[in-house]
Protein backbone atom coordinates (compact mmCIF):
# COMPACT_ATOMS: atom_id res chain seq x y z
CA MET A 1 3.34 46.46 20.47
CA ALA A 2 4.66 43.15 21.84
CA VAL A 3 4.44 40.12 19.57
CA LEU A 4 2.30 37.28 20.86
CA ARG A 5 4.28 34.04 20.89
CA ALA A 6 1.83 31.18 20.68
CA ARG A 7 2.05 27.56 19.67
CA LEU A 8 -0.63 25.69 17.74
CA GLY A 9 -1.97 23.18 20.24
CA GLN A 10 -4.81 21.62 18.28
CA LEU A 11 -7.21 22.09 15.41
CA VAL A 12 -10.87 21.69 16.37
CA VAL A 13 -13.52 20.59 13.89
CA ASP A 14 -17.21 21.16 14.59
CA CYS A 15 -19.20 18.06 13.72
CA ALA A 16 -22.22 15.85 14.40
CA ASP A 17 -20.34 12.66 15.38
CA PRO A 18 -16.97 13.29 17.08
CA GLU A 19 -16.17 9.59 17.59
CA ARG A 20 -16.73 8.73 13.92
CA LEU A 21 -14.50 11.56 12.70
CA ALA A 22 -11.77 10.75 15.23
CA ARG A 23 -11.72 7.17 13.92
CA PHE A 24 -11.71 8.35 10.29
CA TRP A 25 -8.84 10.81 10.76
CA ALA A 26 -6.82 8.36 12.89
CA GLY A 27 -7.11 5.94 9.95
CA LEU A 28 -5.63 8.54 7.60
CA LEU A 29 -3.04 10.19 9.83
CA GLY A 30 -2.14 7.57 12.41
CA GLY A 31 -2.59 7.83 16.13
CA ARG A 32 -5.33 6.42 18.32
CA PRO A 33 -8.81 7.92 18.44
CA VAL A 34 -9.71 9.06 21.97
CA VAL A 35 -13.35 9.64 22.94
CA ARG A 36 -13.65 11.89 25.96
CA ASP A 37 -17.45 11.81 25.89
CA SER A 38 -20.25 11.97 23.31
CA SER A 39 -19.44 15.61 22.56
CA TRP A 40 -15.63 15.49 22.22
CA ALA A 41 -13.07 13.18 20.64
CA TYR A 42 -9.57 13.63 19.28
CA VAL A 43 -6.55 12.01 17.67
CA ASP A 44 -2.88 12.88 18.19
CA PRO A 45 -1.29 12.11 14.80
CA PRO A 46 2.46 11.44 14.96
CA GLY A 47 4.40 14.64 14.25
CA ALA A 48 1.31 16.87 14.00
CA PRO A 49 -0.92 18.90 16.29
CA ARG A 50 -3.93 17.25 17.92
CA LEU A 51 -7.01 17.07 15.71
CA ALA A 52 -10.11 17.39 17.90
CA PHE A 53 -13.81 17.05 17.10
CA GLN A 54 -16.60 18.73 19.01
CA ARG A 55 -20.30 18.06 18.61
CA VAL A 56 -22.37 21.04 17.51
CA PRO A 57 -26.12 21.15 16.80
CA GLU A 58 -25.99 22.80 13.38
CA GLU A 59 -25.08 21.02 10.13
CA LYS A 60 -22.13 22.01 7.98
CA ALA A 61 -23.14 24.71 5.51
CA GLY A 62 -20.94 25.72 2.58
CA LYS A 63 -17.24 25.28 1.92
CA ASN A 64 -14.70 25.16 4.75
CA ARG A 65 -12.79 28.39 5.35
CA LEU A 66 -9.81 26.27 6.44
CA HIS A 67 -8.81 22.85 5.17
CA LEU A 68 -5.97 20.38 5.70
CA ASP A 69 -3.47 19.46 2.98
CA LEU A 70 -2.17 15.94 3.52
CA ALA A 71 1.23 15.23 1.94
CA VAL A 72 1.15 11.79 0.30
CA GLU A 73 3.55 9.79 -1.88
CA ASP A 74 0.89 8.74 -4.40
CA VAL A 75 -2.39 10.66 -4.70
CA ARG A 76 -4.25 7.88 -6.50
CA ARG A 77 -3.40 5.26 -3.88
CA ALA A 78 -4.13 7.71 -1.05
CA ARG A 79 -7.47 8.60 -2.66
CA ALA A 80 -8.45 4.92 -2.81
CA ALA A 81 -7.45 4.39 0.84
CA ALA A 82 -9.38 7.49 1.96
CA VAL A 83 -12.48 6.37 0.04
CA ARG A 84 -12.33 2.95 1.72
CA ARG A 85 -12.44 4.78 5.07
CA GLY A 86 -15.48 6.88 4.10
CA ALA A 87 -14.09 9.92 2.26
CA HIS A 88 -15.51 11.20 -1.02
CA PRO A 89 -13.52 12.76 -3.88
CA VAL A 90 -14.54 16.19 -5.17
CA GLY A 91 -13.90 16.58 -8.88
CA ALA A 92 -10.98 15.13 -10.76
CA THR A 93 -7.39 14.69 -9.69
CA VAL A 94 -5.38 17.72 -10.86
CA THR A 95 -1.74 17.74 -11.96
CA ASP A 96 0.20 20.93 -12.62
CA ALA A 97 3.81 22.15 -12.34
CA GLN A 98 3.59 22.01 -8.51
CA GLY A 99 2.45 18.40 -8.33
CA THR A 100 -0.78 16.43 -8.10
CA PHE A 101 -3.70 17.00 -5.78
CA GLN A 102 -7.17 15.68 -5.10
CA VAL A 103 -9.85 17.53 -3.14
CA MET A 104 -11.70 15.19 -0.79
CA ARG A 105 -14.47 15.35 1.81
CA ASP A 106 -14.43 13.45 5.09
CA PRO A 107 -17.56 11.51 6.18
CA GLU A 108 -19.24 14.74 7.35
CA GLY A 109 -18.33 16.76 4.25
CA ASN A 110 -15.28 18.66 5.56
CA GLU A 111 -12.90 19.34 2.66
CA PHE A 112 -9.26 18.31 2.68
CA CYS A 113 -6.65 17.77 -0.04
CA LEU A 114 -4.30 14.92 -0.80
CA VAL A 115 -1.12 16.49 -2.19
CA GLU A 116 1.77 14.83 -4.03
CA SER A 117 4.61 17.29 -4.57
CA ALA A 118 6.23 17.48 -8.02
CA ASP A 119 9.68 17.56 -6.41
CA GLY A 120 9.13 14.38 -4.44
């Protein structure tokens, strides 16, 4: 069987307010939020695939099956900056042999992690 060769073009997040999430994620990752219309917005973070947001009628239910890990230099400073933009921490910051991480939720409750590697 032939192997499919594909390239990740974008990650799409279902949400209630695409413009709000595009602004939030642009504030964390860089790039400019683009609002196509009331049902679709996106941000093109430097060096990463497009992160797009599409309006859906249903609310988020349960834990994400996929989440983003954001590499940061200092988890505590990144946590404070994310909270100022509307994120919410989930539990305590954890440090182990691999590094330090903090589970967060964006303004609509989508989980993501701030990750500080132990090896710098």
